[in-house]
Amino acid sequence: MMTAVILLVILSILFWLKVIAIAGIMICLVRIIALWRNAESQLLRFNPETDCWQLSGPRGLQELRLKPDQFVTSRLVIMHFETSQKSVIRCFITRDVVNAADHHRLRALLMARSH
């Protein structure tokens, strides 16, 4: 009889832990979806005369310098930049966020600079 009471108490504790964990996961998912929906677009431009990149977005216009370590594949480009305050910004550019010609030009530009 005593073991049955102990089991009932333990099972009810485990049940509430599971409910709290599921609620926490649901809150995190809702927060991630809300952040994704409210994300502002960014525009990245290259100026060949000054050899400088410009990123315009929620923080305004930022002047960036391209760091030497880039990751380039046919579907993904990861660019590493340094701001004037010496902080690092990483841009992940997939093939579906720009048209195919622009993505190809970006890859060609980065590959030409790596040699």
N, C-alpha and C. Protein backbone atom coordinates (compact mmCIF):
# COMPACT_ATOMS: atom_id res chain seq x y z
N MET A 1 0.81 -1.19 0.00
CA MET A 1 0.00 0.00 0.00
C MET A 1 0.86 1.26 0.00
N MET A 2 1.92 1.24 0.81
CA MET A 2 2.80 2.39 0.89
C MET A 2 3.53 2.62 -0.43
N THR A 3 3.93 1.56 -1.10
CA THR A 3 4.61 1.72 -2.39
C THR A 3 3.67 2.30 -3.44
N ALA A 4 2.39 1.95 -3.37
CA ALA A 4 1.42 2.51 -4.32
C ALA A 4 1.29 4.02 -4.10
N VAL A 5 1.26 4.47 -2.87
CA VAL A 5 1.16 5.90 -2.57
C VAL A 5 2.43 6.63 -3.05
N ILE A 6 3.59 6.03 -2.80
CA ILE A 6 4.86 6.63 -3.23
C ILE A 6 4.90 6.72 -4.76
N LEU A 7 4.48 5.67 -5.44
CA LEU A 7 4.46 5.68 -6.90
C LEU A 7 3.52 6.76 -7.43
N LEU A 8 2.34 6.91 -6.80
CA LEU A 8 1.41 7.95 -7.24
C LEU A 8 2.00 9.35 -7.05
N VAL A 9 2.71 9.57 -5.96
CA VAL A 9 3.34 10.87 -5.71
C VAL A 9 4.44 11.12 -6.74
N ILE A 10 5.27 10.11 -6.99
CA ILE A 10 6.37 10.26 -7.96
C ILE A 10 5.82 10.47 -9.37
N LEU A 11 4.81 9.73 -9.75
CA LEU A 11 4.24 9.88 -11.09
C LEU A 11 3.63 11.26 -11.28
N SER A 12 3.00 11.79 -10.26
CA SER A 12 2.41 13.12 -10.41
C SER A 12 3.50 14.18 -10.54
N ILE A 13 4.63 14.01 -9.85
CA ILE A 13 5.75 14.95 -9.98
C ILE A 13 6.32 14.88 -11.40
N LEU A 14 6.51 13.69 -11.91
CA LEU A 14 7.04 13.53 -13.26
C LEU A 14 6.07 14.12 -14.29
N PHE A 15 4.78 13.96 -14.06
CA PHE A 15 3.79 14.51 -14.97
C PHE A 15 3.92 16.03 -15.05
N TRP A 16 4.03 16.69 -13.92
CA TRP A 16 4.12 18.16 -13.91
C TRP A 16 5.44 18.64 -14.48
N LEU A 17 6.52 17.89 -14.28
CA LEU A 17 7.79 18.24 -14.90
C LEU A 17 7.69 18.18 -16.42
N LYS A 18 7.00 17.14 -16.90
CA LYS A 18 6.81 17.02 -18.35
C LYS A 18 5.96 18.17 -18.89
N VAL A 19 4.91 18.52 -18.17
CA VAL A 19 4.04 19.62 -18.60
C VAL A 19 4.83 20.93 -18.64
N ILE A 20 5.63 21.18 -17.62
CA ILE A 20 6.43 22.40 -17.58
C ILE A 20 7.45 22.41 -18.71
N ALA A 21 8.10 21.28 -18.97
CA ALA A 21 9.08 21.20 -20.05
C ALA A 21 8.43 21.44 -21.41
N ILE A 22 7.28 20.84 -21.64
CA ILE A 22 6.58 21.03 -22.91
C ILE A 22 6.14 22.49 -23.07
N ALA A 23 5.67 23.10 -21.99
CA ALA A 23 5.27 24.51 -22.05
C ALA A 23 6.47 25.40 -22.34
N GLY A 24 7.61 25.10 -21.74
CA GLY A 24 8.82 25.87 -22.02
C GLY A 24 9.27 25.76 -23.47
N ILE A 25 9.19 24.57 -24.02
CA ILE A 25 9.55 24.37 -25.42
C ILE A 25 8.58 25.11 -26.33
N MET A 26 7.31 25.08 -26.02
CA MET A 26 6.31 25.79 -26.83
C MET A 26 6.56 27.30 -26.79
N ILE A 27 6.89 27.84 -25.63
CA ILE A 27 7.16 29.28 -25.52
C ILE A 27 8.39 29.65 -26.35
N CYS A 28 9.43 28.82 -26.30
CA CYS A 28 10.63 29.08 -27.10
C CYS A 28 10.32 29.05 -28.59
N LEU A 29 9.54 28.09 -29.04
CA LEU A 29 9.18 28.00 -30.46
C LEU A 29 8.37 29.21 -30.92
N VAL A 30 7.42 29.63 -30.10
CA VAL A 30 6.62 30.81 -30.44
C VAL A 30 7.51 32.04 -30.53
N ARG A 31 8.46 32.17 -29.63
CA ARG A 31 9.40 33.32 -29.64
C ARG A 31 10.27 33.30 -30.90
N ILE A 32 10.78 32.14 -31.28
CA ILE A 32 11.61 32.02 -32.48
C ILE A 32 10.82 32.37 -33.72
N ILE A 33 9.59 31.89 -33.81
CA ILE A 33 8.74 32.20 -34.98
C ILE A 33 8.43 33.69 -35.02
N ALA A 34 8.16 34.30 -33.88
CA ALA A 34 7.88 35.74 -33.85
C ALA A 34 9.10 36.55 -34.28
N LEU A 35 10.29 36.17 -33.83
CA LEU A 35 11.51 36.87 -34.24
C LEU A 35 11.75 36.70 -35.73
N TRP A 36 11.49 35.51 -36.26
CA TRP A 36 11.69 35.25 -37.68
C TRP A 36 10.73 36.08 -38.53
N ARG A 37 9.49 36.18 -38.10
CA ARG A 37 8.51 36.97 -38.86
C ARG A 37 8.79 38.46 -38.82
N ASN A 38 9.33 38.95 -37.72
CA ASN A 38 9.59 40.38 -37.57
C ASN A 38 11.00 40.79 -38.02
N ALA A 39 11.75 39.86 -38.58
CA ALA A 39 13.11 40.17 -39.01
C ALA A 39 13.09 41.17 -40.17
N GLU A 40 13.98 42.14 -40.09
CA GLU A 40 14.08 43.14 -41.14
C GLU A 40 15.12 42.70 -42.16
N SER A 41 14.87 43.03 -43.41
CA SER A 41 15.80 42.63 -44.45
C SER A 41 17.04 43.51 -44.42
N GLN A 42 18.13 42.95 -44.92
CA GLN A 42 19.38 43.66 -44.99
C GLN A 42 19.84 43.68 -46.44
N LEU A 43 20.56 44.72 -46.80
CA LEU A 43 21.07 44.85 -48.15
C LEU A 43 22.58 45.01 -48.07
N LEU A 44 23.31 44.12 -48.77
CA LEU A 44 24.76 44.12 -48.78
C LEU A 44 25.24 44.59 -50.14
N ARG A 45 26.09 45.63 -50.15
CA ARG A 45 26.61 46.19 -51.40
C ARG A 45 28.13 46.23 -51.35
N PHE A 46 28.73 46.06 -52.54
CA PHE A 46 30.19 46.13 -52.67
C PHE A 46 30.55 47.34 -53.52
N ASN A 47 31.51 48.12 -53.04
CA ASN A 47 32.01 49.27 -53.79
C ASN A 47 33.44 48.95 -54.23
N PRO A 48 33.66 48.65 -55.52
CA PRO A 48 35.01 48.25 -55.95
C PRO A 48 36.04 49.37 -55.89
N GLU A 49 35.61 50.64 -55.98
CA GLU A 49 36.57 51.74 -55.92
C GLU A 49 37.24 51.83 -54.55
N THR A 50 36.46 51.65 -53.50
CA THR A 50 37.01 51.75 -52.14
C THR A 50 37.33 50.39 -51.54
N ASP A 51 37.01 49.31 -52.26
CA ASP A 51 37.19 47.94 -51.77
C ASP A 51 36.51 47.76 -50.42
N CYS A 52 35.31 48.31 -50.31
CA CYS A 52 34.57 48.31 -49.05
C CYS A 52 33.15 47.77 -49.30
N TRP A 53 32.61 47.11 -48.31
CA TRP A 53 31.26 46.60 -48.35
C TRP A 53 30.39 47.47 -47.46
N GLN A 54 29.13 47.61 -47.84
CA GLN A 54 28.18 48.37 -47.04
C GLN A 54 26.99 47.47 -46.72
N LEU A 55 26.61 47.46 -45.46
CA LEU A 55 25.47 46.68 -45.00
C LEU A 55 24.44 47.65 -44.45
N SER A 56 23.28 47.70 -45.11
CA SER A 56 22.20 48.54 -44.61
C SER A 56 21.11 47.64 -44.06
N GLY A 57 20.66 47.97 -42.87
CA GLY A 57 19.66 47.14 -42.21
C GLY A 57 19.11 47.85 -41.00
N PRO A 58 18.69 47.09 -39.99
CA PRO A 58 18.08 47.69 -38.80
C PRO A 58 19.03 48.62 -38.03
N ARG A 59 20.33 48.40 -38.13
CA ARG A 59 21.29 49.24 -37.42
C ARG A 59 21.78 50.41 -38.28
N GLY A 60 21.16 50.65 -39.40
CA GLY A 60 21.59 51.72 -40.29
C GLY A 60 22.63 51.22 -41.28
N LEU A 61 23.40 52.12 -41.84
CA LEU A 61 24.42 51.79 -42.82
C LEU A 61 25.75 51.56 -42.11
N GLN A 62 26.36 50.40 -42.36
CA GLN A 62 27.64 50.06 -41.75
C GLN A 62 28.67 49.83 -42.84
N GLU A 63 29.87 50.38 -42.66
CA GLU A 63 30.99 50.12 -43.55
C GLU A 63 31.71 48.89 -43.04
N LEU A 64 31.96 47.92 -43.92
CA LEU A 64 32.56 46.66 -43.53
C LEU A 64 33.79 46.36 -44.37
N ARG A 65 34.75 45.69 -43.78
CA ARG A 65 35.93 45.19 -44.49
C ARG A 65 35.84 43.67 -44.52
N LEU A 66 36.09 43.11 -45.68
CA LEU A 66 36.02 41.66 -45.84
C LEU A 66 37.25 41.01 -45.22
N LYS A 67 37.01 40.04 -44.36
CA LYS A 67 38.11 39.30 -43.76
C LYS A 67 38.56 38.21 -44.74
N PRO A 68 39.74 37.64 -44.56
CA PRO A 68 40.25 36.69 -45.55
C PRO A 68 39.58 35.32 -45.54
N ASP A 69 38.91 34.93 -44.48
CA ASP A 69 38.34 33.58 -44.41
C ASP A 69 36.87 33.58 -44.81
N GLN A 70 36.60 33.08 -46.00
CA GLN A 70 35.23 32.97 -46.53
C GLN A 70 34.93 31.50 -46.81
N PHE A 71 33.65 31.17 -46.80
CA PHE A 71 33.21 29.81 -47.11
C PHE A 71 32.28 29.91 -48.31
N VAL A 72 32.65 29.26 -49.42
CA VAL A 72 31.89 29.39 -50.65
C VAL A 72 31.59 28.01 -51.21
N THR A 73 30.30 27.71 -51.39
CA THR A 73 29.86 26.53 -52.12
C THR A 73 28.82 26.97 -53.13
N SER A 74 28.31 26.02 -53.91
CA SER A 74 27.33 26.38 -54.93
C SER A 74 25.99 26.80 -54.33
N ARG A 75 25.70 26.40 -53.11
CA ARG A 75 24.42 26.72 -52.48
C ARG A 75 24.52 27.71 -51.32
N LEU A 76 25.72 27.87 -50.76
CA LEU A 76 25.87 28.68 -49.56
C LEU A 76 27.15 29.49 -49.62
N VAL A 77 27.05 30.75 -49.20
CA VAL A 77 28.22 31.61 -49.05
C VAL A 77 28.17 32.18 -47.63
N ILE A 78 29.26 31.99 -46.91
CA ILE A 78 29.39 32.57 -45.57
C ILE A 78 30.52 33.58 -45.64
N MET A 79 30.18 34.85 -45.40
CA MET A 79 31.15 35.93 -45.49
C MET A 79 31.43 36.46 -44.09
N HIS A 80 32.70 36.72 -43.82
CA HIS A 80 33.13 37.28 -42.54
C HIS A 80 33.60 38.70 -42.76
N PHE A 81 33.01 39.64 -42.03
CA PHE A 81 33.35 41.04 -42.14
C PHE A 81 33.84 41.57 -40.80
N GLU A 82 34.57 42.69 -40.89
CA GLU A 82 35.00 43.39 -39.69
C GLU A 82 34.50 44.82 -39.78
N THR A 83 33.89 45.29 -38.71
CA THR A 83 33.38 46.66 -38.67
C THR A 83 34.50 47.61 -38.25
N SER A 84 34.21 48.89 -38.28
CA SER A 84 35.20 49.88 -37.85
C SER A 84 35.47 49.78 -36.34
N GLN A 85 34.55 49.19 -35.59
CA GLN A 85 34.75 48.98 -34.15
C GLN A 85 35.43 47.65 -33.86
N LYS A 86 35.93 46.98 -34.90
CA LYS A 86 36.66 45.70 -34.81
C LYS A 86 35.79 44.53 -34.38
N SER A 87 34.48 44.65 -34.51
CA SER A 87 33.61 43.50 -34.25
C SER A 87 33.42 42.73 -35.56
N VAL A 88 33.08 41.46 -35.43
CA VAL A 88 32.95 40.58 -36.59
C VAL A 88 31.47 40.37 -36.90
N ILE A 89 31.13 40.48 -38.17
CA ILE A 89 29.77 40.20 -38.65
C ILE A 89 29.86 39.07 -39.66
N ARG A 90 29.00 38.08 -39.51
CA ARG A 90 28.94 36.97 -40.45
C ARG A 90 27.64 37.06 -41.23
N CYS A 91 27.74 36.95 -42.55
CA CYS A 91 26.56 36.96 -43.41
C CYS A 91 26.43 35.59 -44.06
N PHE A 92 25.27 34.99 -43.91
CA PHE A 92 24.97 33.71 -44.52
C PHE A 92 24.06 33.98 -45.71
N ILE A 93 24.54 33.69 -46.90
CA ILE A 93 23.79 33.98 -48.11
C ILE A 93 23.54 32.67 -48.84
N THR A 94 22.30 32.24 -48.84
CA THR A 94 21.93 31.02 -49.54
C THR A 94 21.46 31.36 -50.95
N ARG A 95 21.39 30.35 -51.77
CA ARG A 95 21.05 30.57 -53.17
C ARG A 95 19.61 31.03 -53.34
N ASP A 96 18.75 30.78 -52.39
CA ASP A 96 17.34 31.14 -52.55
C ASP A 96 17.02 32.57 -52.10
N VAL A 97 17.98 33.32 -51.54
CA VAL A 97 17.68 34.68 -51.11
C VAL A 97 18.08 35.72 -52.16
N VAL A 98 18.85 35.34 -53.15
CA VAL A 98 19.20 36.23 -54.27
C VAL A 98 18.97 35.46 -55.57
N ASN A 99 18.93 36.19 -56.67
CA ASN A 99 18.75 35.47 -57.93
C ASN A 99 20.03 34.73 -58.29
N ALA A 100 19.93 33.79 -59.20
CA ALA A 100 21.04 32.90 -59.52
C ALA A 100 22.24 33.66 -60.08
N ALA A 101 21.99 34.68 -60.91
CA ALA A 101 23.10 35.43 -61.51
C ALA A 101 23.88 36.19 -60.44
N ASP A 102 23.18 36.83 -59.51
CA ASP A 102 23.87 37.57 -58.44
C ASP A 102 24.64 36.63 -57.52
N HIS A 103 24.06 35.49 -57.23
CA HIS A 103 24.75 34.52 -56.38
C HIS A 103 26.02 34.01 -57.06
N HIS A 104 25.94 33.79 -58.36
CA HIS A 104 27.11 33.34 -59.12
C HIS A 104 28.18 34.43 -59.14
N ARG A 105 27.79 35.69 -59.35
CA ARG A 105 28.75 36.80 -59.36
C ARG A 105 29.43 36.95 -58.00
N LEU A 106 28.66 36.79 -56.93
CA LEU A 106 29.23 36.87 -55.59
C LEU A 106 30.25 35.76 -55.36
N ARG A 107 29.89 34.55 -55.74
CA ARG A 107 30.83 33.43 -55.58
C ARG A 107 32.09 33.66 -56.40
N ALA A 108 31.93 34.14 -57.64
CA ALA A 108 33.08 34.38 -58.51
C ALA A 108 33.98 35.48 -57.91
N LEU A 109 33.38 36.54 -57.37
CA LEU A 109 34.14 37.62 -56.76
C LEU A 109 34.94 37.11 -55.57
N LEU A 110 34.31 36.34 -54.70
CA LEU A 110 35.00 35.82 -53.52
C LEU A 110 36.08 34.82 -53.89
N MET A 111 35.83 33.98 -54.88
CA MET A 111 36.84 33.01 -55.30
C MET A 111 38.03 33.73 -55.95
N ALA A 112 37.78 34.79 -56.71
CA ALA A 112 38.87 35.54 -57.33
C ALA A 112 39.72 36.24 -56.29
N ARG A 113 39.12 36.70 -55.21
CA ARG A 113 39.85 37.39 -54.16
C ARG A 113 40.66 36.43 -53.30
N SER A 114 40.28 35.15 -53.29
CA SER A 114 40.99 34.19 -52.43
C SER A 114 42.30 33.74 -53.05
N HIS A 115 42.49 33.95 -54.33
CA HIS A 115 43.73 33.49 -54.99
C HIS A 115 44.75 34.58 -55.05
